[in-house]
């Protein structure tokens, strides 16, 4: 199962850069730590859209990542 996920999607490891970006996002946007780590990883992976049903729909980060709620 995990091999098929790795083939279909780019998987970003949790590095110091991801951790530091997550701390920056959590502090500046007042988001939960885990959510901020996910967003930091998405930014480092070059994503432009982050799909989440639990985060604020339409939030725009670093002029390049938009959070979208598929149910909104």
PDB file of N, CA and C in Angstrom:
ATOM      1  N   UNK A   1       0.818  -1.189   0.000  1.00  0.00           N
ATOM      2  CA  UNK A   1       0.000   0.000   0.000  1.00  0.00           C
ATOM      3  C   UNK A   1       0.870   1.264   0.000  1.00  0.00           C
ATOM      4  N   UNK A   2       1.876   1.311   0.891  1.00  0.00           N
ATOM      5  CA  UNK A   2       2.696   2.520   0.968  1.00  0.00           C
ATOM      6  C   UNK A   2       3.541   2.723  -0.274  1.00  0.00           C
ATOM      7  N   UNK A   3       3.946   1.636  -0.925  1.00  0.00           N
ATOM      8  CA  UNK A   3       4.705   1.777  -2.167  1.00  0.00           C
ATOM      9  C   UNK A   3       3.875   2.447  -3.244  1.00  0.00           C
ATOM     10  N   UNK A   4       2.588   2.123  -3.318  1.00  0.00           N
ATOM     11  CA  UNK A   4       1.737   2.757  -4.322  1.00  0.00           C
ATOM     12  C   UNK A   4       1.531   4.239  -4.021  1.00  0.00           C
ATOM     13  N   UNK A   5       1.488   4.593  -2.751  1.00  0.00           N
ATOM     14  CA  UNK A   5       1.373   6.005  -2.375  1.00  0.00           C
ATOM     15  C   UNK A   5       2.645   6.742  -2.773  1.00  0.00           C
ATOM     16  N   UNK A   6       3.792   6.148  -2.510  1.00  0.00           N
ATOM     17  CA  UNK A   6       5.066   6.786  -2.867  1.00  0.00           C
ATOM     18  C   UNK A   6       5.211   6.948  -4.376  1.00  0.00           C
ATOM     19  N   UNK A   7       4.694   6.019  -5.134  1.00  0.00           N
ATOM     20  CA  UNK A   7       4.759   6.133  -6.597  1.00  0.00           C
ATOM     21  C   UNK A   7       3.810   7.202  -7.121  1.00  0.00           C
ATOM     22  N   UNK A   8       2.666   7.357  -6.468  1.00  0.00           N
ATOM     23  CA  UNK A   8       1.645   8.296  -6.952  1.00  0.00           C
ATOM     24  C   UNK A   8       1.891   9.733  -6.492  1.00  0.00           C
ATOM     25  N   UNK A   9       2.542   9.895  -5.343  1.00  0.00           N
ATOM     26  CA  UNK A   9       2.714  11.216  -4.763  1.00  0.00           C
ATOM     27  C   UNK A   9       4.163  11.428  -4.350  1.00  0.00           C
ATOM     28  N   UNK A  10       4.572  12.685  -4.333  1.00  0.00           N
ATOM     29  CA  UNK A  10       5.891  13.020  -3.810  1.00  0.00           C
ATOM     30  C   UNK A  10       5.795  13.031  -2.287  1.00  0.00           C
ATOM     31  N   UNK A  11       6.651  12.293  -1.631  1.00  0.00           N
ATOM     32  CA  UNK A  11       6.652  12.208  -0.173  1.00  0.00           C
ATOM     33  C   UNK A  11       7.817  13.029   0.354  1.00  0.00           C
ATOM     34  N   UNK A  12       7.514  13.999   1.214  1.00  0.00           N
ATOM     35  CA  UNK A  12       8.540  14.851   1.810  1.00  0.00           C
ATOM     36  C   UNK A  12       8.878  14.330   3.207  1.00  0.00           C
ATOM     37  N   UNK A  13      10.154  14.107   3.478  1.00  0.00           N
ATOM     38  CA  UNK A  13      10.530  13.690   4.837  1.00  0.00           C
ATOM     39  C   UNK A  13      10.418  14.862   5.811  1.00  0.00           C
ATOM     40  N   UNK A  14      10.272  14.549   7.081  1.00  0.00           N
ATOM     41  CA  UNK A  14      10.248  15.596   8.098  1.00  0.00           C
ATOM     42  C   UNK A  14      11.708  15.947   8.404  1.00  0.00           C
ATOM     43  N   UNK A  15      12.124  17.062   7.852  1.00  0.00           N
ATOM     44  CA  UNK A  15      13.502  17.534   8.018  1.00  0.00           C
ATOM     45  C   UNK A  15      13.512  18.746   8.946  1.00  0.00           C
ATOM     46  N   UNK A  16      14.692  19.235   9.226  1.00  0.00           N
ATOM     47  CA  UNK A  16      14.806  20.448  10.032  1.00  0.00           C
ATOM     48  C   UNK A  16      14.114  21.615   9.335  1.00  0.00           C
ATOM     49  N   UNK A  17      14.222  21.695   8.007  1.00  0.00           N
ATOM     50  CA  UNK A  17      13.567  22.773   7.254  1.00  0.00           C
ATOM     51  C   UNK A  17      12.049  22.697   7.385  1.00  0.00           C
ATOM     52  N   UNK A  18      11.497  21.490   7.328  1.00  0.00           N
ATOM     53  CA  UNK A  18      10.047  21.320   7.499  1.00  0.00           C
ATOM     54  C   UNK A  18       9.644  21.742   8.918  1.00  0.00           C
ATOM     55  N   UNK A  19      10.415  21.319   9.893  1.00  0.00           N
ATOM     56  CA  UNK A  19      10.122  21.647  11.288  1.00  0.00           C
ATOM     57  C   UNK A  19      10.174  23.162  11.523  1.00  0.00           C
ATOM     58  N   UNK A  20      11.224  23.807  11.035  1.00  0.00           N
ATOM     59  CA  UNK A  20      11.348  25.257  11.222  1.00  0.00           C
ATOM     60  C   UNK A  20      10.245  26.016  10.489  1.00  0.00           C
ATOM     61  N   UNK A  21       9.900  25.555   9.276  1.00  0.00           N
ATOM     62  CA  UNK A  21       8.792  26.171   8.541  1.00  0.00           C
ATOM     63  C   UNK A  21       7.476  25.984   9.262  1.00  0.00           C
ATOM     64  N   UNK A  22       7.281  24.808   9.846  1.00  0.00           N
ATOM     65  CA  UNK A  22       6.070  24.543  10.612  1.00  0.00           C
ATOM     66  C   UNK A  22       5.942  25.449  11.821  1.00  0.00           C
ATOM     67  N   UNK A  23       7.051  25.659  12.514  1.00  0.00           N
ATOM     68  CA  UNK A  23       7.032  26.577  13.664  1.00  0.00           C
ATOM     69  C   UNK A  23       6.695  27.995  13.227  1.00  0.00           C
ATOM     70  N   UNK A  24       7.261  28.426  12.094  1.00  0.00           N
ATOM     71  CA  UNK A  24       6.994  29.773  11.574  1.00  0.00           C
ATOM     72  C   UNK A  24       5.517  29.930  11.214  1.00  0.00           C
ATOM     73  N   UNK A  25       4.966  28.923  10.531  1.00  0.00           N
ATOM     74  CA  UNK A  25       3.556  28.973  10.129  1.00  0.00           C
ATOM     75  C   UNK A  25       2.643  28.946  11.358  1.00  0.00           C
ATOM     76  N   UNK A  26       2.941  28.078  12.314  1.00  0.00           N
ATOM     77  CA  UNK A  26       2.114  27.981  13.525  1.00  0.00           C
ATOM     78  C   UNK A  26       2.070  29.311  14.264  1.00  0.00           C
ATOM     79  N   UNK A  27       3.226  29.961  14.357  1.00  0.00           N
ATOM     80  CA  UNK A  27       3.282  31.230  15.082  1.00  0.00           C
ATOM     81  C   UNK A  27       2.596  32.361  14.310  1.00  0.00           C
ATOM     82  N   UNK A  28       2.858  32.454  13.017  1.00  0.00           N
ATOM     83  CA  UNK A  28       2.329  33.586  12.245  1.00  0.00           C
ATOM     84  C   UNK A  28       0.840  33.442  11.927  1.00  0.00           C
ATOM     85  N   UNK A  29       0.377  32.212  11.755  1.00  0.00           N
ATOM     86  CA  UNK A  29      -1.032  31.995  11.368  1.00  0.00           C
ATOM     87  C   UNK A  29      -1.894  31.446  12.485  1.00  0.00           C
ATOM     88  N   UNK A  30      -1.296  31.230  13.640  1.00  0.00           N
ATOM     89  CA  UNK A  30      -2.024  30.698  14.801  1.00  0.00           C
ATOM     90  C   UNK A  30      -2.706  29.365  14.479  1.00  0.00           C
ATOM     91  N   UNK A  31      -1.953  28.470  13.831  1.00  0.00           N
ATOM     92  CA  UNK A  31      -2.451  27.142  13.483  1.00  0.00           C
ATOM     93  C   UNK A  31      -1.838  26.096  14.400  1.00  0.00           C
ATOM     94  N   UNK A  32      -2.471  24.938  14.478  1.00  0.00           N
ATOM     95  CA  UNK A  32      -1.948  23.841  15.282  1.00  0.00           C
ATOM     96  C   UNK A  32      -0.603  23.373  14.729  1.00  0.00           C
ATOM     97  N   UNK A  33       0.238  22.852  15.602  1.00  0.00           N
ATOM     98  CA  UNK A  33       1.571  22.414  15.204  1.00  0.00           C
ATOM     99  C   UNK A  33       1.570  21.364  14.111  1.00  0.00           C
ATOM    100  N   UNK A  34       0.726  20.339  14.252  1.00  0.00           N
ATOM    101  CA  UNK A  34       0.689  19.275  13.252  1.00  0.00           C
ATOM    102  C   UNK A  34       0.231  19.814  11.901  1.00  0.00           C
ATOM    103  N   UNK A  35      -0.804  20.641  11.897  1.00  0.00           N
ATOM    104  CA  UNK A  35      -1.280  21.246  10.645  1.00  0.00           C
ATOM    105  C   UNK A  35      -0.175  22.073   9.996  1.00  0.00           C
ATOM    106  N   UNK A  36       0.557  22.803  10.817  1.00  0.00           N
ATOM    107  CA  UNK A  36       1.634  23.648  10.312  1.00  0.00           C
ATOM    108  C   UNK A  36       2.763  22.826   9.696  1.00  0.00           C
ATOM    109  N   UNK A  37       3.067  21.675  10.281  1.00  0.00           N
ATOM    110  CA  UNK A  37       4.082  20.792   9.691  1.00  0.00           C
ATOM    111  C   UNK A  37       3.634  20.278   8.324  1.00  0.00           C
ATOM    112  N   UNK A  38       2.372  19.923   8.205  1.00  0.00           N
ATOM    113  CA  UNK A  38       1.842  19.472   6.911  1.00  0.00           C
ATOM    114  C   UNK A  38       1.938  20.580   5.868  1.00  0.00           C
ATOM    115  N   UNK A  39       1.576  21.785   6.254  1.00  0.00           N
ATOM    116  CA  UNK A  39       1.629  22.912   5.320  1.00  0.00           C
ATOM    117  C   UNK A  39       3.068  23.247   4.940  1.00  0.00           C
ATOM    118  N   UNK A  40       3.980  23.193   5.893  1.00  0.00           N
ATOM    119  CA  UNK A  40       5.385  23.445   5.609  1.00  0.00           C
ATOM    120  C   UNK A  40       5.926  22.421   4.622  1.00  0.00           C
ATOM    121  N   UNK A  41       5.579  21.176   4.815  1.00  0.00           N
ATOM    122  CA  UNK A  41       6.005  20.118   3.902  1.00  0.00           C
ATOM    123  C   UNK A  41       5.443  20.338   2.499  1.00  0.00           C
ATOM    124  N   UNK A  42       4.187  20.749   2.433  1.00  0.00           N
ATOM    125  CA  UNK A  42       3.564  21.026   1.133  1.00  0.00           C
ATOM    126  C   UNK A  42       4.261  22.185   0.428  1.00  0.00           C
ATOM    127  N   UNK A  43       4.611  23.219   1.169  1.00  0.00           N
ATOM    128  CA  UNK A  43       5.330  24.353   0.585  1.00  0.00           C
ATOM    129  C   UNK A  43       6.688  23.923   0.041  1.00  0.00           C
ATOM    130  N   UNK A  44       7.428  23.126   0.821  1.00  0.00           N
ATOM    131  CA  UNK A  44       8.746  22.672   0.379  1.00  0.00           C
ATOM    132  C   UNK A  44       8.654  21.716  -0.815  1.00  0.00           C
ATOM    133  N   UNK A  45       7.516  21.023  -0.942  1.00  0.00           N
ATOM    134  CA  UNK A  45       7.321  20.120  -2.077  1.00  0.00           C
ATOM    135  C   UNK A  45       6.865  20.865  -3.324  1.00  0.00           C
ATOM    136  N   UNK A  46       6.569  22.160  -3.188  1.00  0.00           N
ATOM    137  CA  UNK A  46       6.160  22.950  -4.345  1.00  0.00           C
ATOM    138  C   UNK A  46       4.676  22.863  -4.670  1.00  0.00           C
ATOM    139  N   UNK A  47       3.871  22.456  -3.714  1.00  0.00           N
ATOM    140  CA  UNK A  47       2.425  22.350  -3.943  1.00  0.00           C
ATOM    141  C   UNK A  47       1.800  23.741  -4.049  1.00  0.00           C
ATOM    142  N   UNK A  48       0.741  23.838  -4.823  1.00  0.00           N
ATOM    143  CA  UNK A  48       0.004  25.099  -4.920  1.00  0.00           C
ATOM    144  C   UNK A  48      -1.357  25.007  -4.232  1.00  0.00           C
ATOM    145  N   UNK A  49      -1.850  23.792  -4.029  1.00  0.00           N
ATOM    146  CA  UNK A  49      -3.136  23.574  -3.353  1.00  0.00           C
ATOM    147  C   UNK A  49      -2.962  22.520  -2.275  1.00  0.00           C
ATOM    148  N   UNK A  50      -3.548  22.786  -1.113  1.00  0.00           N
ATOM    149  CA  UNK A  50      -3.540  21.839  -0.002  1.00  0.00           C
ATOM    150  C   UNK A  50      -4.994  21.545   0.339  1.00  0.00           C
ATOM    151  N   UNK A  51      -5.416  20.306   0.162  1.00  0.00           N
ATOM    152  CA  UNK A  51      -6.805  19.929   0.416  1.00  0.00           C
ATOM    153  C   UNK A  51      -6.968  19.494   1.866  1.00  0.00           C
ATOM    154  N   UNK A  52      -7.912  20.131   2.573  1.00  0.00           N
ATOM    155  CA  UNK A  52      -8.168  19.804   3.973  1.00  0.00           C
ATOM    156  C   UNK A  52      -9.601  20.176   4.318  1.00  0.00           C
ATOM    157  N   UNK A  53     -10.273  19.261   4.982  1.00  0.00           N
ATOM    158  CA  UNK A  53     -11.630  19.589   5.432  1.00  0.00           C
ATOM    159  C   UNK A  53     -11.609  20.225   6.815  1.00  0.00           C
ATOM    160  N   UNK A  54     -10.442  20.288   7.449  1.00  0.00           N
ATOM    161  CA  UNK A  54     -10.370  20.811   8.796  1.00  0.00           C
ATOM    162  C   UNK A  54      -9.703  22.171   8.936  1.00  0.00           C
ATOM    163  N   UNK A  55      -9.108  22.672   7.872  1.00  0.00           N
ATOM    164  CA  UNK A  55      -8.437  23.972   7.944  1.00  0.00           C
ATOM    165  C   UNK A  55      -9.267  25.024   7.223  1.00  0.00           C
ATOM    166  N   UNK A  56      -8.875  26.263   7.400  1.00  0.00           N
ATOM    167  CA  UNK A  56      -9.610  27.400   6.857  1.00  0.00           C
ATOM    168  C   UNK A  56      -9.555  27.429   5.321  1.00  0.00           C
ATOM    169  N   UNK A  57     -10.709  27.234   4.693  1.00  0.00           N
ATOM    170  CA  UNK A  57     -10.794  27.245   3.229  1.00  0.00           C
ATOM    171  C   UNK A  57     -10.420  28.622   2.685  1.00  0.00           C
ATOM    172  N   UNK A  58      -9.513  28.637   1.721  1.00  0.00           N
ATOM    173  CA  UNK A  58      -9.116  29.880   1.078  1.00  0.00           C
ATOM    174  C   UNK A  58      -7.886  30.540   1.675  1.00  0.00           C
ATOM    175  N   UNK A  59      -7.380  30.020   2.795  1.00  0.00           N
ATOM    176  CA  UNK A  59      -6.171  30.591   3.386  1.00  0.00           C
ATOM    177  C   UNK A  59      -5.027  30.470   2.390  1.00  0.00           C
ATOM    178  N   UNK A  60      -4.290  31.541   2.193  1.00  0.00           N
ATOM    179  CA  UNK A  60      -3.214  31.617   1.206  1.00  0.00           C
ATOM    180  C   UNK A  60      -1.894  31.814   1.952  1.00  0.00           C
ATOM    181  N   UNK A  61      -0.936  30.923   1.733  1.00  0.00           N
ATOM    182  CA  UNK A  61       0.344  30.965   2.443  1.00  0.00           C
ATOM    183  C   UNK A  61       1.498  31.243   1.496  1.00  0.00           C
ATOM    184  N   UNK A  62       2.379  32.099   1.916  1.00  0.00           N
ATOM    185  CA  UNK A  62       3.625  32.387   1.191  1.00  0.00           C
ATOM    186  C   UNK A  62       3.417  32.697  -0.290  1.00  0.00           C
ATOM    187  N   UNK A  63       2.302  33.290  -0.612  1.00  0.00           N
ATOM    188  CA  UNK A  63       1.974  33.689  -1.993  1.00  0.00           C
ATOM    189  C   UNK A  63       2.003  32.538  -2.986  1.00  0.00           C
ATOM    190  N   UNK A  64       1.806  31.287  -2.486  1.00  0.00           N
ATOM    191  CA  UNK A  64       1.860  30.170  -3.431  1.00  0.00           C
ATOM    192  C   UNK A  64       1.075  28.934  -3.039  1.00  0.00           C
ATOM    193  N   UNK A  65       0.564  28.859  -1.808  1.00  0.00           N
ATOM    194  CA  UNK A  65      -0.171  27.674  -1.377  1.00  0.00           C
ATOM    195  C   UNK A  65      -1.545  28.093  -0.858  1.00  0.00           C
ATOM    196  N   UNK A  66      -2.582  27.527  -1.448  1.00  0.00           N
ATOM    197  CA  UNK A  66      -3.957  27.821  -1.038  1.00  0.00           C
ATOM    198  C   UNK A  66      -4.559  26.588  -0.394  1.00  0.00           C
ATOM    199  N   UNK A  67      -5.167  26.768   0.771  1.00  0.00           N
ATOM    200  CA  UNK A  67      -5.875  25.683   1.429  1.00  0.00           C
ATOM    201  C   UNK A  67      -7.294  25.639   0.878  1.00  0.00           C
ATOM    202  N   UNK A  68      -7.727  24.476   0.451  1.00  0.00           N
ATOM    203  CA  UNK A  68      -9.073  24.287  -0.084  1.00  0.00           C
ATOM    204  C   UNK A  68      -9.775  23.172   0.670  1.00  0.00           C
ATOM    205  N   UNK A  69     -11.043  23.416   1.008  1.00  0.00           N
ATOM    206  CA  UNK A  69     -11.898  22.427   1.632  1.00  0.00           C
ATOM    207  C   UNK A  69     -12.771  21.827   0.528  1.00  0.00           C
ATOM    208  N   UNK A  70     -12.654  20.524   0.271  1.00  0.00           N
ATOM    209  CA  UNK A  70     -13.436  19.931  -0.813  1.00  0.00           C
ATOM    210  C   UNK A  70     -14.940  19.952  -0.556  1.00  0.00           C
ATOM    211  N   UNK A  71     -15.361  20.229   0.669  1.00  0.00           N
ATOM    212  CA  UNK A  71     -16.775  20.237   1.011  1.00  0.00           C
ATOM    213  C   UNK A  71     -17.343  21.651   1.140  1.00  0.00           C
ATOM    214  N   UNK A  72     -16.509  22.658   0.971  1.00  0.00           N
ATOM    215  CA  UNK A  72     -16.985  24.043   1.117  1.00  0.00           C
ATOM    216  C   UNK A  72     -17.667  24.525  -0.149  1.00  0.00           C
TER     217      UNK A  72
END
